[in-house]
Amino acid sequence: MKNLTLSNSTVDKRLRLLNNMRMRIRALKLQRKFYCEKFNANDINLNIVDDDISALEMLVERLVIYSVVCNDTYRDVYREWKKFPESIEDHCMKVFNHYFRKRNTDFDRLNQLFRLKELGNNTKELENKIRDEEKRVKYLEDVKIMFRRNALSARKQELMFRLMVECKYRMKENWFVVFDTLTVDERSREKVFSKGSKVWTNYIRSIERSIGIRIYGSWREANSAKLDGNEFHTYFSVVERGTNTGRLHIHVLHFMKQLPPGCSDPNAGASTPYKREIAGIKKFWKYGYSTPIAVRFNDFDAYADLGWRWPVERVGDRFVSIDKNDSVAIACYMSKYINKEYGKPLREEFVSWRVRMTRKMGMIPLRMILDKMTEKELMMLMEIDQTKRLTMIGKYVPMSLLRREVLRTMIMKMSPKKFRNFLLLMKDYQPKESMFERYRNMTGTVRKFKMPNFTNTKMLIMRGTDDCDVIEKFQMEEYRIFGKIKSFGVTKGCSYARN
């Protein structure tokens, strides 16, 4: 598989563990080499790191050879792996009491030329070399900025795509959607946003526990159903800084199969149904204010099934009904915060996250479609051309996301013997040269001319026909899940943030 990379091979827990151990072994060997060059090679610390490398290599062998034979192998190997320090830096500080950080080598050649100039070799040829090298270094810095910007843009597009798919799918499933803005008081900011904080996890867990008990009668039964793949609550959240006050607050979108106990129509018995906030959800957030708003789509949504009245809003001196919006409108509204805040540097050093969401956010429809594909069709999707991009709910499926999910589906369908061979392949798999490394190697070297590869035209036509068949099957399966997709955009007068 030519598009197989170490990044998209981490879709399976065994592959993730294998990849983490292999990376740790390579890093320890490199750090050992640096340590020997700088300090005494006969130091007793070298014996310790050699023992750790041998232990990790043994764990890799156990995971690859016995993971198919014994179901408990992964669990045992994972427990042994967790006994090692969490990061390579912590590991080196424990063994060597020193960590060698990766050094930027892009300026080495330029610094060497400047040293020659300082020694008095100030010739015209040297000046030309310095000028060319400065252009090269500036070019590489521009390439780094471009790659960083493109990676950030791709991540934003993937987040927005997954949120839109989740909104559309949960509306089809007739789930309740709640848009909540959570403020964080001054004394709780570090407690909420710092690394390792359990505040957000406990907040989500309390909501899930309440919903699960209402549906299944007990948390034990609800948790068991959740582990079996029966989701009853998903969420998507993004942190934003206030424009006027500069305070951090959280926008979160909840998708609920049932509302938590104590939630009722805020307009029940009122002469004018202008209220939007659900009082029964405010109790879950204890670190500021909570304004949970029921997101209404049409007269036949989940709230209408409970008999909730359609809300109104004041326009001038009269009340009018709020607009009926498509499910993707709220996703477009949340996307505004993603575009505004994601990737922006924060002033507070303790803030450790900007976006959090359910792990399977927007993945269920895509996985349902891929489960219908044969092994040959999955292989074709894995290697499909960039120009033949697939669409879902009218949006392009990000190629990196598609390949990760295709690989995950292929692994799920593999026989034990085939999966073992795949692990053996990944054990010796070497990371490909990054795009930036290619750019770096292209500068300052003469590229040899390579003759074009004239492929059989008949084979290209046959491959193109097969790709079209796979794309057509993908779109048919999408139609079975969502039905006919209408064109959408940011709906005029979006009222999700209005109370």
Protein backbone atom coordinates (compact mmCIF):
# COMPACT_ATOMS: atom_id res chain seq x y z
CA MET A 1 0.00 0.00 0.00
CA LYS A 2 1.82 3.05 -1.24
CA ASN A 3 -0.21 5.46 0.92
CA LEU A 4 0.49 3.59 4.16
CA THR A 5 2.28 5.83 6.64
CA LEU A 6 3.11 5.59 10.32
CA SER A 7 0.60 8.34 11.08
CA ASN A 8 -2.43 6.64 9.51
CA SER A 9 -1.35 3.21 10.73
CA THR A 10 -2.20 4.17 14.32
CA VAL A 11 -5.93 3.48 13.85
CA ASP A 12 -5.62 0.19 15.76
CA LYS A 13 -4.56 0.02 19.41
CA ARG A 14 -2.01 -2.71 18.70
CA LEU A 15 -0.47 -0.70 15.88
CA ARG A 16 -0.36 2.39 18.08
CA LEU A 17 1.46 0.47 20.79
CA LEU A 18 3.85 -1.05 18.25
CA ASN A 19 4.58 2.36 16.73
CA ASN A 20 5.17 3.97 20.15
CA MET A 21 7.64 1.27 21.20
CA ARG A 22 9.54 1.41 17.91
CA MET A 23 9.83 5.20 18.15
CA ARG A 24 11.09 4.92 21.73
CA ILE A 25 13.75 2.35 20.70
CA ARG A 26 15.01 4.57 17.85
CA ALA A 27 15.08 7.63 20.11
CA LEU A 28 16.97 5.81 22.89
CA LYS A 29 19.57 4.54 20.43
CA LEU A 30 20.07 8.05 19.06
CA GLN A 31 20.33 9.57 22.54
CA ARG A 32 22.82 6.83 23.49
CA LYS A 33 24.96 7.74 20.49
CA PHE A 34 24.97 11.44 21.46
CA TYR A 35 25.79 10.54 25.05
CA CYS A 36 28.78 8.41 24.01
CA GLU A 37 30.13 11.21 21.82
CA LYS A 38 29.97 13.79 24.60
CA PHE A 39 30.64 11.82 27.78
CA ASN A 40 32.49 8.70 28.91
CA ALA A 41 31.45 5.69 26.81
CA ASN A 42 32.07 3.30 29.74
CA ASP A 43 29.55 4.98 31.96
CA ILE A 44 27.28 2.65 33.92
CA ASN A 45 24.23 4.48 32.53
CA LEU A 46 24.88 2.88 29.14
CA ASN A 47 24.19 -0.54 30.63
CA ILE A 48 20.86 0.69 31.95
CA VAL A 49 19.75 2.11 28.61
CA ASP A 50 20.92 -1.06 26.83
CA ASP A 51 18.74 -3.11 29.17
CA ASP A 52 15.76 -0.82 28.45
CA ILE A 53 16.29 -1.13 24.68
CA SER A 54 16.50 -4.93 24.95
CA ALA A 55 13.33 -5.02 27.07
CA LEU A 56 11.45 -2.86 24.54
CA GLU A 57 12.63 -5.01 21.64
CA MET A 58 11.40 -8.09 23.50
CA LEU A 59 8.00 -6.42 24.01
CA VAL A 60 7.84 -5.69 20.27
CA GLU A 61 8.52 -9.35 19.49
CA ARG A 62 5.85 -10.47 21.96
CA LEU A 63 3.29 -8.11 20.49
CA VAL A 64 3.99 -9.15 16.90
CA ILE A 65 4.32 -12.91 17.37
CA TYR A 66 1.80 -13.72 20.08
CA SER A 67 -0.89 -11.04 19.69
CA VAL A 68 -2.92 -13.25 17.34
CA VAL A 69 -2.41 -16.44 19.35
CA CYS A 70 -3.31 -15.03 22.78
CA ASN A 71 -5.90 -12.30 23.33
CA ASP A 72 -4.22 -11.21 26.57
CA THR A 73 -0.89 -10.40 24.87
CA TYR A 74 -1.78 -6.80 24.10
CA ARG A 75 -2.94 -6.17 27.65
CA ASP A 76 0.20 -7.70 29.17
CA VAL A 77 2.54 -5.84 26.79
CA TYR A 78 0.68 -2.59 27.40
CA ARG A 79 1.09 -2.98 31.17
CA GLU A 80 4.81 -3.54 30.75
CA TRP A 81 5.05 -0.55 28.41
CA LYS A 82 3.35 1.75 30.96
CA LYS A 83 6.14 0.96 33.46
CA PHE A 84 8.55 2.98 31.31
CA PRO A 85 8.64 6.81 31.59
CA GLU A 86 5.87 8.61 29.72
CA SER A 87 8.07 10.51 27.25
CA ILE A 88 11.53 10.08 25.73
CA GLU A 89 12.70 13.20 27.55
CA ASP A 90 11.64 11.77 30.93
CA HIS A 91 13.24 8.46 29.99
CA CYS A 92 16.60 10.09 29.16
CA MET A 93 16.56 12.25 32.28
CA LYS A 94 16.01 9.13 34.36
CA VAL A 95 18.81 7.15 32.69
CA PHE A 96 21.37 9.76 31.62
CA ASN A 97 20.27 12.75 33.70
CA HIS A 98 20.59 14.60 30.39
CA TYR A 99 18.48 15.04 27.25
CA PHE A 100 19.88 16.08 23.86
CA ARG A 101 17.32 18.16 22.00
CA LYS A 102 17.09 18.02 18.24
CA ARG A 103 19.17 20.79 16.71
CA ASN A 104 18.21 22.79 13.64
CA THR A 105 20.88 22.03 11.05
CA ASP A 106 19.58 24.40 8.36
CA PHE A 107 22.00 27.15 9.47
CA ASP A 108 25.12 24.97 9.75
CA ARG A 109 26.37 25.62 6.24
CA LEU A 110 25.72 29.37 6.54
CA ASN A 111 27.55 29.58 9.89
CA GLN A 112 30.50 27.71 8.41
CA LEU A 113 30.72 30.24 5.57
CA PHE A 114 30.61 33.13 8.04
CA ARG A 115 33.48 31.59 9.98
CA LEU A 116 35.57 31.45 6.79
CA LYS A 117 34.78 35.11 6.20
CA GLU A 118 35.89 36.02 9.72
CA LEU A 119 39.19 34.22 9.13
CA GLY A 120 39.97 36.64 6.29
CA ASN A 121 38.87 34.58 3.28
CA ASN A 122 36.73 37.44 2.03
CA THR A 123 36.57 36.64 -1.70
CA LYS A 124 33.89 37.33 -4.26
CA GLU A 125 33.22 33.62 -4.60
CA LEU A 126 32.64 33.36 -0.84
CA GLU A 127 30.27 36.34 -0.90
CA ASN A 128 28.24 34.65 -3.65
CA LYS A 129 28.08 31.44 -1.64
CA ILE A 130 26.90 33.32 1.45
CA ARG A 131 24.24 35.13 -0.58
CA ASP A 132 22.99 31.86 -2.11
CA GLU A 133 22.98 30.13 1.27
CA GLU A 134 20.98 32.97 2.84
CA LYS A 135 18.39 32.60 0.08
CA ARG A 136 18.29 28.85 0.73
CA VAL A 137 17.78 29.28 4.48
CA LYS A 138 15.03 31.87 3.93
CA TYR A 139 13.36 29.52 1.45
CA LEU A 140 13.38 26.66 3.98
CA GLU A 141 11.90 28.90 6.68
CA ASP A 142 9.13 29.94 4.27
CA VAL A 143 8.47 26.28 3.48
CA LYS A 144 8.18 25.48 7.20
CA ILE A 145 5.64 28.26 7.66
CA MET A 146 3.70 27.06 4.61
CA PHE A 147 3.60 23.45 5.84
CA ARG A 148 2.57 24.55 9.32
CA ARG A 149 -0.23 26.70 7.87
CA ASN A 150 -1.41 23.92 5.55
CA ALA A 151 -1.41 21.35 8.36
CA LEU A 152 -3.45 23.68 10.55
CA SER A 153 -5.91 24.33 7.73
CA ALA A 154 -6.27 20.58 7.06
CA ARG A 155 -6.95 19.94 10.75
CA LYS A 156 -9.63 22.66 10.79
CA GLN A 157 -11.30 21.22 7.70
CA GLU A 158 -11.33 17.74 9.24
CA LEU A 159 -12.87 19.01 12.48
CA MET A 160 -15.58 20.93 10.64
CA PHE A 161 -16.34 17.97 8.37
CA ARG A 162 -16.71 15.57 11.31
CA LEU A 163 -18.95 18.03 13.16
CA MET A 164 -21.21 18.50 10.12
CA VAL A 165 -21.56 14.75 9.59
CA GLU A 166 -22.37 14.24 13.27
CA CYS A 167 -25.06 16.95 13.20
CA LYS A 168 -26.69 15.48 10.10
CA TYR A 169 -26.57 11.91 11.39
CA ARG A 170 -27.93 12.70 14.87
CA MET A 171 -30.78 14.68 13.36
CA LYS A 172 -31.66 11.62 11.26
CA GLU A 173 -31.54 9.53 14.46
CA ASN A 174 -33.89 12.08 16.12
CA TRP A 175 -31.49 12.92 18.95
CA PHE A 176 -31.70 16.00 21.18
CA VAL A 177 -29.15 18.73 20.43
CA VAL A 178 -28.13 21.26 23.09
CA PHE A 179 -25.84 24.26 22.54
CA ASP A 180 -24.22 25.37 25.80
CA THR A 181 -21.84 28.24 26.60
CA LEU A 182 -19.82 27.64 29.76
CA THR A 183 -18.06 30.52 31.46
CA VAL A 184 -15.09 29.95 33.76
CA ASP A 185 -14.68 32.14 36.83
CA GLU A 186 -11.31 33.70 37.55
CA ARG A 187 -10.30 31.42 40.42
CA SER A 188 -11.06 28.23 38.44
CA ARG A 189 -9.29 28.99 35.14
CA GLU A 190 -6.11 27.09 35.85
CA LYS A 191 -8.04 24.25 37.47
CA VAL A 192 -10.19 23.82 34.34
CA PHE A 193 -7.62 24.26 31.54
CA SER A 194 -4.34 23.01 32.99
CA LYS A 195 -2.70 19.81 31.78
CA GLY A 196 -3.89 16.73 33.63
CA SER A 197 -7.05 18.42 34.92
CA LYS A 198 -10.05 16.11 35.36
CA VAL A 199 -12.64 18.90 35.46
CA TRP A 200 -13.79 18.53 31.87
CA THR A 201 -13.73 14.73 32.00
CA ASN A 202 -15.86 14.74 35.14
CA TYR A 203 -18.30 17.23 33.60
CA ILE A 204 -18.85 15.04 30.52
CA ARG A 205 -18.99 11.90 32.64
CA SER A 206 -21.68 13.35 34.91
CA ILE A 207 -23.88 14.16 31.91
CA GLU A 208 -23.33 10.72 30.37
CA ARG A 209 -24.07 9.01 33.68
CA SER A 210 -27.33 10.92 34.04
CA ILE A 211 -28.45 10.09 30.49
CA GLY A 212 -27.33 6.46 30.75
CA ILE A 213 -29.21 5.85 33.98
CA ARG A 214 -32.37 7.32 32.46
CA ILE A 215 -32.17 5.05 29.40
CA TYR A 216 -30.85 1.78 30.91
CA GLY A 217 -31.86 2.10 34.57
CA SER A 218 -28.32 1.82 35.96
CA TRP A 219 -24.86 3.09 35.09
CA ARG A 220 -23.49 -0.44 34.93
CA GLU A 221 -25.90 -1.38 32.14
CA ALA A 222 -25.35 1.96 30.41
CA ASN A 223 -21.56 1.63 30.49
CA SER A 224 -21.79 -1.94 29.19
CA ALA A 225 -23.97 -0.76 26.29
CA LYS A 226 -21.53 2.06 25.56
CA LEU A 227 -18.60 -0.36 25.41
CA ASP A 228 -20.60 -2.44 22.91
CA GLY A 229 -20.87 0.59 20.62
CA ASN A 230 -24.32 1.85 21.63
CA GLU A 231 -23.64 5.56 22.07
CA PHE A 232 -26.18 7.72 23.90
CA HIS A 233 -24.20 10.99 24.20
CA THR A 234 -21.58 12.72 22.04
CA TYR A 235 -20.17 16.24 22.24
CA PHE A 236 -17.97 18.79 20.50
CA SER A 237 -16.39 21.71 22.36
CA VAL A 238 -14.12 24.63 21.51
CA VAL A 239 -12.48 27.22 23.77
CA GLU A 240 -12.90 30.90 22.88
CA ARG A 241 -11.50 34.11 24.34
CA GLY A 242 -14.05 36.87 24.88
CA THR A 243 -13.65 39.84 22.56
CA ASN A 244 -14.43 42.47 25.19
CA THR A 245 -13.34 40.92 28.51
CA GLY A 246 -10.65 38.55 27.20
CA ARG A 247 -11.94 35.77 29.46
CA LEU A 248 -11.83 32.15 28.35
CA HIS A 249 -15.12 30.32 27.94
CA ILE A 250 -16.22 27.08 26.30
CA HIS A 251 -18.81 26.47 23.59
CA VAL A 252 -20.04 22.89 23.65
CA LEU A 253 -22.56 21.10 21.47
CA HIS A 254 -24.23 18.09 23.10
CA PHE A 255 -25.97 15.31 21.15
CA MET A 256 -28.22 13.26 23.47
CA LYS A 257 -30.35 10.20 22.83
CA GLN A 258 -32.47 11.23 25.83
CA LEU A 259 -32.43 14.37 27.93
CA PRO A 260 -31.12 14.07 31.50
CA PRO A 261 -33.74 13.75 34.25
CA GLY A 262 -35.22 17.05 35.37
CA CYS A 263 -35.27 18.62 31.90
CA SER A 264 -38.62 20.04 30.87
CA ASP A 265 -40.01 22.60 28.43
CA PRO A 266 -39.00 26.04 29.77
CA ASN A 267 -42.12 27.50 28.14
CA ALA A 268 -44.62 25.09 29.65
CA GLY A 269 -47.63 27.10 30.86
CA ALA A 270 -46.20 30.42 29.60
CA SER A 271 -48.33 32.73 27.50
CA THR A 272 -45.35 33.60 25.26
CA PRO A 273 -42.76 30.83 24.59
CA TYR A 274 -39.69 33.07 24.51
CA LYS A 275 -37.47 31.08 26.90
CA ARG A 276 -34.65 28.96 25.44
CA GLU A 277 -32.50 27.73 28.33
CA ILE A 278 -32.92 24.22 29.79
CA ALA A 279 -32.59 24.59 33.55
CA GLY A 280 -32.07 20.86 34.16
CA ILE A 281 -28.63 20.89 32.44
CA LYS A 282 -27.16 23.89 34.29
CA LYS A 283 -26.44 21.83 37.42
CA PHE A 284 -23.63 19.87 35.74
CA TRP A 285 -21.24 22.85 35.42
CA LYS A 286 -19.89 24.13 38.75
CA TYR A 287 -17.10 26.51 37.65
CA GLY A 288 -19.09 29.41 36.22
CA TYR A 289 -22.34 30.07 34.38
CA SER A 290 -24.04 27.66 32.00
CA THR A 291 -26.55 28.65 29.31
CA PRO A 292 -27.82 25.43 27.66
CA ILE A 293 -30.13 26.17 24.73
CA ALA A 294 -32.34 23.63 23.00
CA VAL A 295 -31.42 23.54 19.30
CA ARG A 296 -34.65 23.27 17.30
CA PHE A 297 -34.68 22.17 13.66
CA ASN A 298 -38.32 21.78 12.63
CA ASP A 299 -41.80 20.85 13.89
CA PHE A 300 -40.91 17.14 13.91
CA ASP A 301 -37.62 17.10 15.86
CA ALA A 302 -36.97 15.27 19.13
CA TYR A 303 -38.23 18.15 21.25
CA ALA A 304 -41.51 18.25 19.33
CA ASP A 305 -42.04 14.56 20.15
CA LEU A 306 -42.05 15.57 23.85
CA GLY A 307 -44.60 18.30 23.21
CA TRP A 308 -42.21 21.22 23.60
CA ARG A 309 -43.53 24.48 22.16
CA TRP A 310 -41.78 26.22 19.29
CA PRO A 311 -39.89 29.22 20.75
CA VAL A 312 -40.23 32.81 19.64
CA GLU A 313 -37.94 35.85 19.83
CA ARG A 314 -38.58 39.56 20.07
CA VAL A 315 -38.16 41.54 16.86
CA GLY A 316 -38.92 45.20 17.45
CA ASP A 317 -42.16 45.47 19.42
CA ARG A 318 -43.48 41.99 18.63
CA PHE A 319 -42.60 38.30 18.98
CA VAL A 320 -41.91 36.12 15.92
CA SER A 321 -41.05 32.42 15.64
CA ILE A 322 -37.36 31.58 15.39
CA ASP A 323 -36.13 30.39 12.01
CA LYS A 324 -36.20 26.71 11.12
CA ASN A 325 -32.67 25.67 10.23
CA ASP A 326 -31.01 22.62 8.77
CA SER A 327 -28.89 20.53 11.15
CA VAL A 328 -25.70 21.69 9.44
CA ALA A 329 -26.45 25.33 10.34
CA ILE A 330 -25.37 24.79 13.94
CA ALA A 331 -22.21 23.08 12.67
CA CYS A 332 -21.48 26.14 10.53
CA TYR A 333 -22.04 28.32 13.59
CA MET A 334 -19.55 26.27 15.63
CA SER A 335 -17.11 26.34 12.71
CA LYS A 336 -16.89 30.09 13.18
CA TYR A 337 -15.26 29.52 16.57
CA ILE A 338 -12.93 26.87 15.14
CA ASN A 339 -11.71 29.24 12.44
CA LYS A 340 -11.36 32.06 14.95
CA GLU A 341 -9.60 30.30 17.81
CA TYR A 342 -8.03 27.02 16.65
CA GLY A 343 -4.28 27.36 16.34
CA LYS A 344 -4.18 30.87 17.79
CA PRO A 345 -1.47 31.24 20.45
CA LEU A 346 -2.75 31.65 24.00
CA ARG A 347 -1.45 34.09 26.55
CA GLU A 348 -1.90 31.66 29.44
CA GLU A 349 0.77 28.99 29.59
CA PHE A 350 -1.40 26.62 31.62
CA VAL A 351 -4.06 26.22 28.91
CA SER A 352 -3.51 22.75 27.46
CA TRP A 353 -6.44 22.30 25.02
CA ARG A 354 -8.52 24.22 22.51
CA VAL A 355 -10.87 21.60 21.04
CA ARG A 356 -12.25 18.43 22.64
CA MET A 357 -14.80 16.02 21.26
CA THR A 358 -16.06 12.47 21.40
CA ARG A 359 -13.56 10.07 19.84
CA LYS A 360 -16.10 8.77 17.29
CA MET A 361 -17.43 12.21 16.40
CA GLY A 362 -18.79 12.00 12.83
CA MET A 363 -17.18 8.61 12.21
CA ILE A 364 -20.19 6.26 12.47
CA PRO A 365 -21.73 7.01 9.01
CA LEU A 366 -18.33 6.74 7.30
CA ARG A 367 -17.60 3.45 9.04
CA MET A 368 -21.04 2.10 8.10
CA ILE A 369 -20.29 2.84 4.45
CA LEU A 370 -16.81 1.31 4.54
CA ASP A 371 -18.13 -1.85 6.23
CA LYS A 372 -20.12 -2.51 3.03
CA MET A 373 -16.97 -2.45 0.90
CA THR A 374 -15.03 -5.52 -0.17
CA GLU A 375 -11.31 -5.88 0.45
CA LYS A 376 -10.53 -4.98 -3.15
CA GLU A 377 -12.73 -1.88 -2.98
CA LEU A 378 -11.11 -0.79 0.27
CA MET A 379 -7.68 -1.15 -1.31
CA MET A 380 -8.80 1.05 -4.19
CA LEU A 381 -10.12 3.68 -1.79
CA MET A 382 -6.79 3.57 0.04
CA GLU A 383 -4.92 4.42 -3.15
CA ILE A 384 -7.54 6.58 -4.87
CA ASP A 385 -6.32 9.62 -6.76
CA GLN A 386 -6.58 13.04 -5.12
CA THR A 387 -8.57 14.32 -8.10
CA LYS A 388 -11.35 11.77 -7.51
CA ARG A 389 -12.36 12.94 -4.08
CA LEU A 390 -15.39 11.48 -2.35
CA THR A 391 -18.18 13.58 -0.92
CA MET A 392 -20.48 13.09 2.06
CA ILE A 393 -23.40 15.40 2.90
CA GLY A 394 -22.18 17.60 0.05
CA LYS A 395 -18.68 18.08 1.50
CA TYR A 396 -15.38 16.56 0.42
CA VAL A 397 -14.14 13.78 2.69
CA PRO A 398 -10.61 14.72 3.89
CA MET A 399 -8.15 12.31 2.29
CA SER A 400 -6.15 11.71 5.48
CA LEU A 401 -9.35 10.88 7.37
CA LEU A 402 -10.55 8.58 4.59
CA ARG A 403 -7.29 6.63 4.48
CA ARG A 404 -7.18 6.21 8.25
CA GLU A 405 -10.71 4.84 8.34
CA VAL A 406 -10.15 2.60 5.30
CA LEU A 407 -7.07 1.12 6.95
CA ARG A 408 -8.99 0.62 10.19
CA THR A 409 -11.76 -1.24 8.32
CA MET A 410 -9.23 -3.39 6.48
CA ILE A 411 -7.61 -4.36 9.80
CA MET A 412 -11.00 -5.22 11.30
CA LYS A 413 -11.71 -7.55 8.36
CA MET A 414 -8.30 -9.24 8.38
CA SER A 415 -7.98 -12.86 9.39
CA PRO A 416 -5.64 -13.57 12.37
CA LYS A 417 -2.95 -14.93 10.07
CA LYS A 418 -3.13 -11.95 7.72
CA PHE A 419 -3.07 -9.50 10.62
CA ARG A 420 0.04 -11.18 12.03
CA ASN A 421 1.76 -10.76 8.66
CA PHE A 422 0.68 -7.13 8.69
CA LEU A 423 2.25 -6.64 12.13
CA LEU A 424 5.45 -8.24 10.86
CA LEU A 425 5.41 -5.75 7.98
CA MET A 426 4.89 -2.81 10.34
CA LYS A 427 7.63 -4.06 12.67
CA ASP A 428 10.27 -3.42 10.00
CA TYR A 429 8.47 -0.48 8.38
CA GLN A 430 10.69 2.58 8.09
CA PRO A 431 9.18 6.07 8.11
CA LYS A 432 9.08 7.76 4.74
CA GLU A 433 10.99 10.92 4.01
CA SER A 434 8.83 13.88 5.01
CA MET A 435 7.80 16.51 2.49
CA PHE A 436 10.00 19.08 4.21
CA GLU A 437 13.01 16.75 4.00
CA ARG A 438 12.39 16.45 0.28
CA TYR A 439 12.37 20.23 -0.06
CA ARG A 440 15.54 20.46 2.01
CA ASN A 441 17.33 17.83 -0.10
CA MET A 442 16.26 19.56 -3.30
CA THR A 443 18.06 22.76 -2.33
CA GLY A 444 21.75 23.00 -3.11
CA THR A 445 21.91 19.78 -5.15
CA VAL A 446 21.66 19.01 -8.83
CA ARG A 447 18.65 16.83 -9.64
CA LYS A 448 19.17 14.14 -12.23
CA PHE A 449 16.74 14.08 -15.12
CA LYS A 450 14.31 11.21 -14.90
CA MET A 451 12.54 9.87 -17.96
CA PRO A 452 8.73 9.88 -17.74
CA ASN A 453 7.01 6.62 -16.95
CA PHE A 454 4.80 5.64 -19.87
CA THR A 455 2.13 3.40 -18.33
CA ASN A 456 -0.15 1.19 -20.36
CA THR A 457 -3.11 3.37 -21.41
CA LYS A 458 -5.48 0.39 -21.31
CA MET A 459 -4.57 -0.28 -17.67
CA LEU A 460 -5.20 3.38 -16.78
CA ILE A 461 -8.64 3.25 -18.40
CA MET A 462 -9.49 0.03 -16.54
CA ARG A 463 -8.33 1.53 -13.22
CA GLY A 464 -10.35 4.67 -13.87
CA THR A 465 -13.47 2.59 -14.50
CA ASP A 466 -12.97 0.65 -11.25
CA ASP A 467 -12.51 3.91 -9.31
CA CYS A 468 -15.79 5.21 -10.70
CA ASP A 469 -17.57 2.03 -9.59
CA VAL A 470 -16.20 2.36 -6.06
CA ILE A 471 -17.15 6.04 -5.88
CA GLU A 472 -20.66 5.23 -7.13
CA LYS A 473 -21.06 2.52 -4.47
CA PHE A 474 -19.81 4.93 -1.80
CA GLN A 475 -22.39 7.54 -2.82
CA MET A 476 -25.17 4.93 -2.91
CA GLU A 477 -24.40 3.81 0.63
CA GLU A 478 -24.37 7.44 1.72
CA TYR A 479 -27.83 7.90 0.19
CA ARG A 480 -29.15 4.96 2.19
CA ILE A 481 -27.99 6.60 5.41
CA PHE A 482 -28.83 10.26 4.82
CA GLY A 483 -31.24 10.26 1.91
CA LYS A 484 -31.13 13.12 -0.58
CA ILE A 485 -28.77 15.86 0.57
CA LYS A 486 -29.83 19.43 -0.03
CA SER A 487 -27.35 22.23 -0.57
CA PHE A 488 -26.57 24.11 2.61
CA GLY A 489 -24.63 26.99 4.00
CA VAL A 490 -24.69 29.34 6.95
CA THR A 491 -28.41 29.90 7.38
CA LYS A 492 -29.66 33.45 7.52
CA GLY A 493 -30.59 34.57 11.00
CA CYS A 494 -28.97 31.67 12.85
CA SER A 495 -30.43 31.89 16.36
CA TYR A 496 -28.47 29.28 18.29
CA ALA A 497 -26.52 31.85 20.26
CA ARG A 498 -29.51 34.01 20.98
CA ASN A 499 -31.48 33.58 24.15
